[in-house]
C-alpha atoms as a PDB file:
ATOM      1  CA  MET A   1     -12.122  -9.892  17.690  1.00  0.00           C
ATOM      2  CA  LYS A   2      -9.602 -10.718  20.537  1.00  0.00           C
ATOM      3  CA  GLU A   3      -9.728 -14.290  19.459  1.00  0.00           C
ATOM      4  CA  ILE A   4      -8.674 -14.266  15.981  1.00  0.00           C
ATOM      5  CA  VAL A   5      -5.584 -11.908  16.721  1.00  0.00           C
ATOM      6  CA  GLN A   6      -4.452 -14.287  19.508  1.00  0.00           C
ATOM      7  CA  ARG A   7      -5.090 -17.042  17.118  1.00  0.00           C
ATOM      8  CA  LEU A   8      -2.892 -15.918  14.471  1.00  0.00           C
ATOM      9  CA  LYS A   9      -0.247 -14.890  17.242  1.00  0.00           C
ATOM     10  CA  ALA A  10      -0.310 -18.462  18.378  1.00  0.00           C
ATOM     11  CA  PRO A  11       2.272 -21.572  17.334  1.00  0.00           C
ATOM     12  CA  THR A  12       1.161 -22.872  14.048  1.00  0.00           C
ATOM     13  CA  PRO A  13       1.615 -26.866  14.036  1.00  0.00           C
ATOM     14  CA  ARG A  14       4.462 -27.866  11.561  1.00  0.00           C
ATOM     15  CA  PHE A  15       1.938 -29.711   8.709  1.00  0.00           C
ATOM     16  CA  PHE A  16       0.252 -26.248   8.624  1.00  0.00           C
ATOM     17  CA  ARG A  17       3.502 -24.149   8.112  1.00  0.00           C
ATOM     18  CA  LYS A  18       4.247 -26.672   5.098  1.00  0.00           C
ATOM     19  CA  VAL A  19       1.119 -25.831   3.722  1.00  0.00           C
ATOM     20  CA  ARG A  20       1.245 -22.217   4.447  1.00  0.00           C
ATOM     21  CA  ASN A  21       4.805 -21.996   3.009  1.00  0.00           C
ATOM     22  CA  ALA A  22       3.472 -24.278  -0.212  1.00  0.00           C
ATOM     23  CA  GLY A  23       0.632 -21.475  -0.887  1.00  0.00           C
ATOM     24  CA  LEU A  24       2.646 -18.868  -0.387  1.00  0.00           C
ATOM     25  CA  ILE A  25       5.266 -20.127  -3.349  1.00  0.00           C
ATOM     26  CA  LEU A  26       1.893 -21.067  -5.466  1.00  0.00           C
ATOM     27  CA  THR A  27       0.608 -17.439  -5.154  1.00  0.00           C
ATOM     28  CA  GLY A  28       4.339 -16.014  -5.864  1.00  0.00           C
ATOM     29  CA  VAL A  29       4.570 -18.314  -8.992  1.00  0.00           C
ATOM     30  CA  ALA A  30       1.231 -17.669 -10.316  1.00  0.00           C
ATOM     31  CA  GLY A  31       1.747 -13.775  -9.851  1.00  0.00           C
ATOM     32  CA  ALA A  32       4.533 -14.162 -11.686  1.00  0.00           C
ATOM     33  CA  ILE A  33       3.149 -16.011 -14.635  1.00  0.00           C
ATOM     34  CA  ALA A  34      -0.136 -13.323 -15.190  1.00  0.00           C
ATOM     35  CA  THR A  35       2.539 -10.582 -15.022  1.00  0.00           C
ATOM     36  CA  ALA A  36       4.586 -11.879 -17.401  1.00  0.00           C
ATOM     37  CA  PRO A  37       6.239  -9.632 -20.277  1.00  0.00           C
ATOM     38  CA  VAL A  38       5.083 -12.279 -22.712  1.00  0.00           C
ATOM     39  CA  ALA A  39       2.296 -13.067 -24.887  1.00  0.00           C
ATOM     40  CA  LEU A  40       0.237 -15.556 -22.977  1.00  0.00           C
ATOM     41  CA  PRO A  41      -2.230 -17.789 -23.918  1.00  0.00           C
ATOM     42  CA  ALA A  42      -5.625 -16.531 -22.223  1.00  0.00           C
ATOM     43  CA  ALA A  43      -6.114 -19.802 -20.682  1.00  0.00           C
ATOM     44  CA  VAL A  44      -2.425 -19.887 -18.982  1.00  0.00           C
ATOM     45  CA  ILE A  45      -3.483 -16.331 -17.604  1.00  0.00           C
ATOM     46  CA  ALA A  46      -7.063 -17.285 -16.423  1.00  0.00           C
ATOM     47  CA  ALA A  47      -5.342 -20.857 -14.606  1.00  0.00           C
ATOM     48  CA  ALA A  48      -2.565 -18.283 -13.125  1.00  0.00           C
ATOM     49  CA  GLY A  49      -5.368 -16.367 -11.257  1.00  0.00           C
ATOM     50  CA  TYR A  50      -6.710 -19.634 -10.062  1.00  0.00           C
ATOM     51  CA  LEU A  51      -3.650 -21.004  -8.764  1.00  0.00           C
ATOM     52  CA  ALA A  52      -3.248 -17.323  -7.107  1.00  0.00           C
ATOM     53  CA  LEU A  53      -6.330 -17.652  -5.060  1.00  0.00           C
ATOM     54  CA  ALA A  54      -6.093 -21.465  -4.315  1.00  0.00           C
ATOM     55  CA  GLY A  55      -2.802 -20.534  -2.472  1.00  0.00           C
ATOM     56  CA  ALA A  56      -3.987 -17.271  -0.720  1.00  0.00           C
ATOM     57  CA  ILE A  57      -6.890 -19.356   0.566  1.00  0.00           C
ATOM     58  CA  ALA A  58      -4.549 -22.239   1.900  1.00  0.00           C
ATOM     59  CA  SER A  59      -1.817 -19.996   3.006  1.00  0.00           C
ATOM     60  CA  ALA A  60      -4.569 -17.608   5.277  1.00  0.00           C
ATOM     61  CA  VAL A  61      -6.507 -21.223   6.953  1.00  0.00           C
ATOM     62  CA  SER A  62      -3.004 -23.090   7.787  1.00  0.00           C
ATOM     63  CA  GLN A  63      -1.836 -19.464   9.660  1.00  0.00           C
ATOM     64  CA  THR A  64      -5.270 -20.072  11.613  1.00  0.00           C
ATOM     65  CA  ALA A  65      -4.490 -23.598  13.063  1.00  0.00           C
ATOM     66  CA  VAL A  66      -3.111 -23.625  16.357  1.00  0.00           C
ATOM     67  CA  LYS A  67      -0.749 -26.042  18.205  1.00  0.00           C
ATOM     68  CA  THR A  68      -2.430 -27.655  21.406  1.00  0.00           C
ATOM     69  CA  GLY A  69      -1.361 -29.503  23.882  1.00  0.00           C
ATOM     70  CA  ARG A  70      -2.638 -32.522  23.137  1.00  0.00           C
ATOM     71  CA  GLN A  71      -0.557 -32.871  19.732  1.00  0.00           C
ATOM     72  CA  LYS A  72       2.822 -35.045  19.877  1.00  0.00           C
END
């Protein structure tokens, strides 16, 4: 368990920070679509759910990437 916490606290490489931020934006947009106060087709609501899931997974996975001394 300590290794996971240390990994999450370690510096994240630049590319994975961009992936994490894109995932967070994707999740936010999907959440806004899913909770829109207007009537939307069921397919749009379902797609928003899948986009939210994909964004959350991308954010979580990219957060665990760790910068090592071998990268330039």
